[in-house]
C-alpha atoms as a PDB file:
ATOM      1  CA  UNK A   1       0.176   0.190  -0.042  1.00  0.00           C
ATOM      2  CA  UNK A   2       0.823   3.360  -0.631  1.00  0.00           C
ATOM      3  CA  UNK A   3       1.788   4.756   2.949  1.00  0.00           C
ATOM      4  CA  UNK A   4       1.132   8.435   1.808  1.00  0.00           C
ATOM      5  CA  UNK A   5      -2.171   7.268   0.940  1.00  0.00           C
ATOM      6  CA  UNK A   6      -3.270   6.240   4.205  1.00  0.00           C
ATOM      7  CA  UNK A   7      -3.330  10.192   5.054  1.00  0.00           C
ATOM      8  CA  UNK A   8      -5.911  10.811   2.696  1.00  0.00           C
ATOM      9  CA  UNK A   9      -8.380   7.934   4.113  1.00  0.00           C
ATOM     10  CA  UNK A  10     -11.026  10.112   5.375  1.00  0.00           C
ATOM     11  CA  UNK A  11     -11.792  10.822   1.758  1.00  0.00           C
ATOM     12  CA  UNK A  12     -14.112   8.784  -0.345  1.00  0.00           C
ATOM     13  CA  UNK A  13     -13.863   8.455  -4.219  1.00  0.00           C
ATOM     14  CA  UNK A  14     -15.377  11.618  -4.299  1.00  0.00           C
ATOM     15  CA  UNK A  15     -13.583  13.593  -1.973  1.00  0.00           C
ATOM     16  CA  UNK A  16     -16.475  13.526   0.717  1.00  0.00           C
ATOM     17  CA  UNK A  17     -15.321  13.170   4.263  1.00  0.00           C
ATOM     18  CA  UNK A  18     -15.878   9.969   6.322  1.00  0.00           C
ATOM     19  CA  UNK A  19     -15.006   8.685   9.446  1.00  0.00           C
ATOM     20  CA  UNK A  20     -16.218   5.102   8.720  1.00  0.00           C
ATOM     21  CA  UNK A  21     -15.181   2.460   6.261  1.00  0.00           C
ATOM     22  CA  UNK A  22     -17.080  -0.581   5.808  1.00  0.00           C
ATOM     23  CA  UNK A  23     -18.473   0.045   9.353  1.00  0.00           C
ATOM     24  CA  UNK A  24     -15.003   0.476  10.934  1.00  0.00           C
ATOM     25  CA  UNK A  25     -13.232   3.488  12.264  1.00  0.00           C
ATOM     26  CA  UNK A  26     -10.566   4.836   9.625  1.00  0.00           C
ATOM     27  CA  UNK A  27      -6.865   4.901  10.838  1.00  0.00           C
ATOM     28  CA  UNK A  28      -5.496   7.922   8.925  1.00  0.00           C
ATOM     29  CA  UNK A  29      -2.086   7.627  10.092  1.00  0.00           C
ATOM     30  CA  UNK A  30       1.095   6.703   8.296  1.00  0.00           C
ATOM     31  CA  UNK A  31       4.909   7.455   7.784  1.00  0.00           C
ATOM     32  CA  UNK A  32       6.377   9.953   5.293  1.00  0.00           C
ATOM     33  CA  UNK A  33       9.224   8.280   2.863  1.00  0.00           C
ATOM     34  CA  UNK A  34      11.824   9.799   5.363  1.00  0.00           C
ATOM     35  CA  UNK A  35      10.386   7.988   8.304  1.00  0.00           C
ATOM     36  CA  UNK A  36       8.272  10.604   9.809  1.00  0.00           C
ATOM     37  CA  UNK A  37       5.211   9.887  11.126  1.00  0.00           C
ATOM     38  CA  UNK A  38       1.905  11.625  10.894  1.00  0.00           C
ATOM     39  CA  UNK A  39      -1.466  11.272  12.394  1.00  0.00           C
ATOM     40  CA  UNK A  40      -3.940  12.314   9.715  1.00  0.00           C
ATOM     41  CA  UNK A  41      -3.754  14.274   6.312  1.00  0.00           C
ATOM     42  CA  UNK A  42      -3.552  17.131   7.898  1.00  0.00           C
ATOM     43  CA  UNK A  43      -0.452  16.779   9.650  1.00  0.00           C
ATOM     44  CA  UNK A  44       1.027  15.100   6.247  1.00  0.00           C
ATOM     45  CA  UNK A  45       0.550  17.986   4.502  1.00  0.00           C
ATOM     46  CA  UNK A  46       2.264  20.148   7.408  1.00  0.00           C
ATOM     47  CA  UNK A  47       5.093  17.862   7.306  1.00  0.00           C
ATOM     48  CA  UNK A  48       5.161  17.470   3.448  1.00  0.00           C
ATOM     49  CA  UNK A  49       4.945  21.506   3.207  1.00  0.00           C
ATOM     50  CA  UNK A  50       7.535  22.212   5.797  1.00  0.00           C
ATOM     51  CA  UNK A  51      10.381  19.604   3.802  1.00  0.00           C
ATOM     52  CA  UNK A  52      13.205  22.235   2.466  1.00  0.00           C
ATOM     53  CA  UNK A  53      12.910  20.937  -0.994  1.00  0.00           C
ATOM     54  CA  UNK A  54       9.119  20.948  -1.474  1.00  0.00           C
ATOM     55  CA  UNK A  55       8.807  24.675  -2.908  1.00  0.00           C
ATOM     56  CA  UNK A  56      11.449  23.785  -5.775  1.00  0.00           C
ATOM     57  CA  UNK A  57       9.929  20.320  -6.485  1.00  0.00           C
ATOM     58  CA  UNK A  58       6.377  21.897  -6.939  1.00  0.00           C
ATOM     59  CA  UNK A  59       8.209  24.217  -8.957  1.00  0.00           C
ATOM     60  CA  UNK A  60       9.942  21.878 -11.161  1.00  0.00           C
ATOM     61  CA  UNK A  61       7.230  19.688 -11.560  1.00  0.00           C
ATOM     62  CA  UNK A  62       5.022  22.474 -12.748  1.00  0.00           C
ATOM     63  CA  UNK A  63       7.804  23.995 -15.076  1.00  0.00           C
ATOM     64  CA  UNK A  64       8.600  20.310 -16.856  1.00  0.00           C
ATOM     65  CA  UNK A  65       4.757  19.739 -17.084  1.00  0.00           C
ATOM     66  CA  UNK A  66       4.416  23.651 -18.521  1.00  0.00           C
ATOM     67  CA  UNK A  67       7.766  23.149 -21.260  1.00  0.00           C
ATOM     68  CA  UNK A  68       6.616  19.805 -22.014  1.00  0.00           C
ATOM     69  CA  UNK A  69      10.441  18.831 -21.608  1.00  0.00           C
ATOM     70  CA  UNK A  70      12.685  17.927 -18.907  1.00  0.00           C
ATOM     71  CA  UNK A  71      14.689  20.938 -17.125  1.00  0.00           C
ATOM     72  CA  UNK A  72      17.972  21.302 -18.807  1.00  0.00           C
ATOM     73  CA  UNK A  73      21.218  23.275 -17.252  1.00  0.00           C
ATOM     74  CA  UNK A  74      20.367  26.603 -18.902  1.00  0.00           C
ATOM     75  CA  UNK A  75      16.658  26.468 -17.276  1.00  0.00           C
ATOM     76  CA  UNK A  76      18.230  26.490 -13.666  1.00  0.00           C
ATOM     77  CA  UNK A  77      18.449  30.117 -13.223  1.00  0.00           C
ATOM     78  CA  UNK A  78      14.666  30.425 -14.607  1.00  0.00           C
ATOM     79  CA  UNK A  79      13.621  27.697 -12.198  1.00  0.00           C
ATOM     80  CA  UNK A  80      15.336  29.628  -9.285  1.00  0.00           C
ATOM     81  CA  UNK A  81      13.593  32.621 -10.133  1.00  0.00           C
ATOM     82  CA  UNK A  82      10.470  30.954 -10.393  1.00  0.00           C
ATOM     83  CA  UNK A  83      10.764  29.143  -6.897  1.00  0.00           C
ATOM     84  CA  UNK A  84      11.890  32.019  -5.647  1.00  0.00           C
ATOM     85  CA  UNK A  85       9.008  34.080  -6.905  1.00  0.00           C
ATOM     86  CA  UNK A  86       6.426  31.300  -5.413  1.00  0.00           C
ATOM     87  CA  UNK A  87       8.186  31.178  -2.226  1.00  0.00           C
ATOM     88  CA  UNK A  88       7.986  35.140  -1.789  1.00  0.00           C
ATOM     89  CA  UNK A  89       4.420  35.759  -2.374  1.00  0.00           C
ATOM     90  CA  UNK A  90       3.073  33.047   0.474  1.00  0.00           C
ATOM     91  CA  UNK A  91       3.321  30.148  -1.905  1.00  0.00           C
ATOM     92  CA  UNK A  92       0.133  30.916  -4.137  1.00  0.00           C
ATOM     93  CA  UNK A  93       0.202  28.554  -7.200  1.00  0.00           C
ATOM     94  CA  UNK A  94      -1.217  31.560  -9.460  1.00  0.00           C
ATOM     95  CA  UNK A  95       2.170  33.589  -8.797  1.00  0.00           C
ATOM     96  CA  UNK A  96       3.902  30.332  -9.771  1.00  0.00           C
ATOM     97  CA  UNK A  97       2.059  30.294 -13.039  1.00  0.00           C
ATOM     98  CA  UNK A  98       2.645  33.771 -13.886  1.00  0.00           C
ATOM     99  CA  UNK A  99       6.320  33.899 -13.094  1.00  0.00           C
ATOM    100  CA  UNK A 100       6.510  30.718 -15.159  1.00  0.00           C
ATOM    101  CA  UNK A 101       4.673  31.920 -18.159  1.00  0.00           C
ATOM    102  CA  UNK A 102       6.509  35.233 -18.240  1.00  0.00           C
ATOM    103  CA  UNK A 103      10.074  32.999 -17.950  1.00  0.00           C
ATOM    104  CA  UNK A 104      12.437  33.026 -21.001  1.00  0.00           C
ATOM    105  CA  UNK A 105      12.035  29.719 -21.376  1.00  0.00           C
ATOM    106  CA  UNK A 106       8.439  29.257 -21.833  1.00  0.00           C
ATOM    107  CA  UNK A 107       7.977  32.749 -24.100  1.00  0.00           C
ATOM    108  CA  UNK A 108      10.755  31.320 -26.275  1.00  0.00           C
ATOM    109  CA  UNK A 109       9.649  27.970 -26.765  1.00  0.00           C
ATOM    110  CA  UNK A 110       9.500  26.280 -29.844  1.00  0.00           C
ATOM    111  CA  UNK A 111       6.234  24.844 -31.084  1.00  0.00           C
ATOM    112  CA  UNK A 112       5.996  21.386 -32.804  1.00  0.00           C
ATOM    113  CA  UNK A 113       6.783  21.691 -36.342  1.00  0.00           C
ATOM    114  CA  UNK A 114       3.709  21.979 -38.816  1.00  0.00           C
ATOM    115  CA  UNK A 115       2.440  18.805 -40.049  1.00  0.00           C
END
């Protein structure tokens, strides 16, 4: 089983909160990959958000998705700037997106060749 998934057990497949599963109380405790235990999804979320690499990971994954390619060495300064903007603006995802789409790698991305 996915240890992080246990933290989300209180949510059913549609996202509604539930306290029981098949009539039994839900145990939403688990352990992060680094071995840190958590009691429920809220504690898991706090622990993950406090990880030093969390912001950079979110920025990098969003950067990769937006560009449709891996991050190269020439992208690192731009990724650092996007991460810094995300961090400085209370971690608002909208600020991350604006910073990303105004970055040079995104604006200068070449489209697929015409077919």
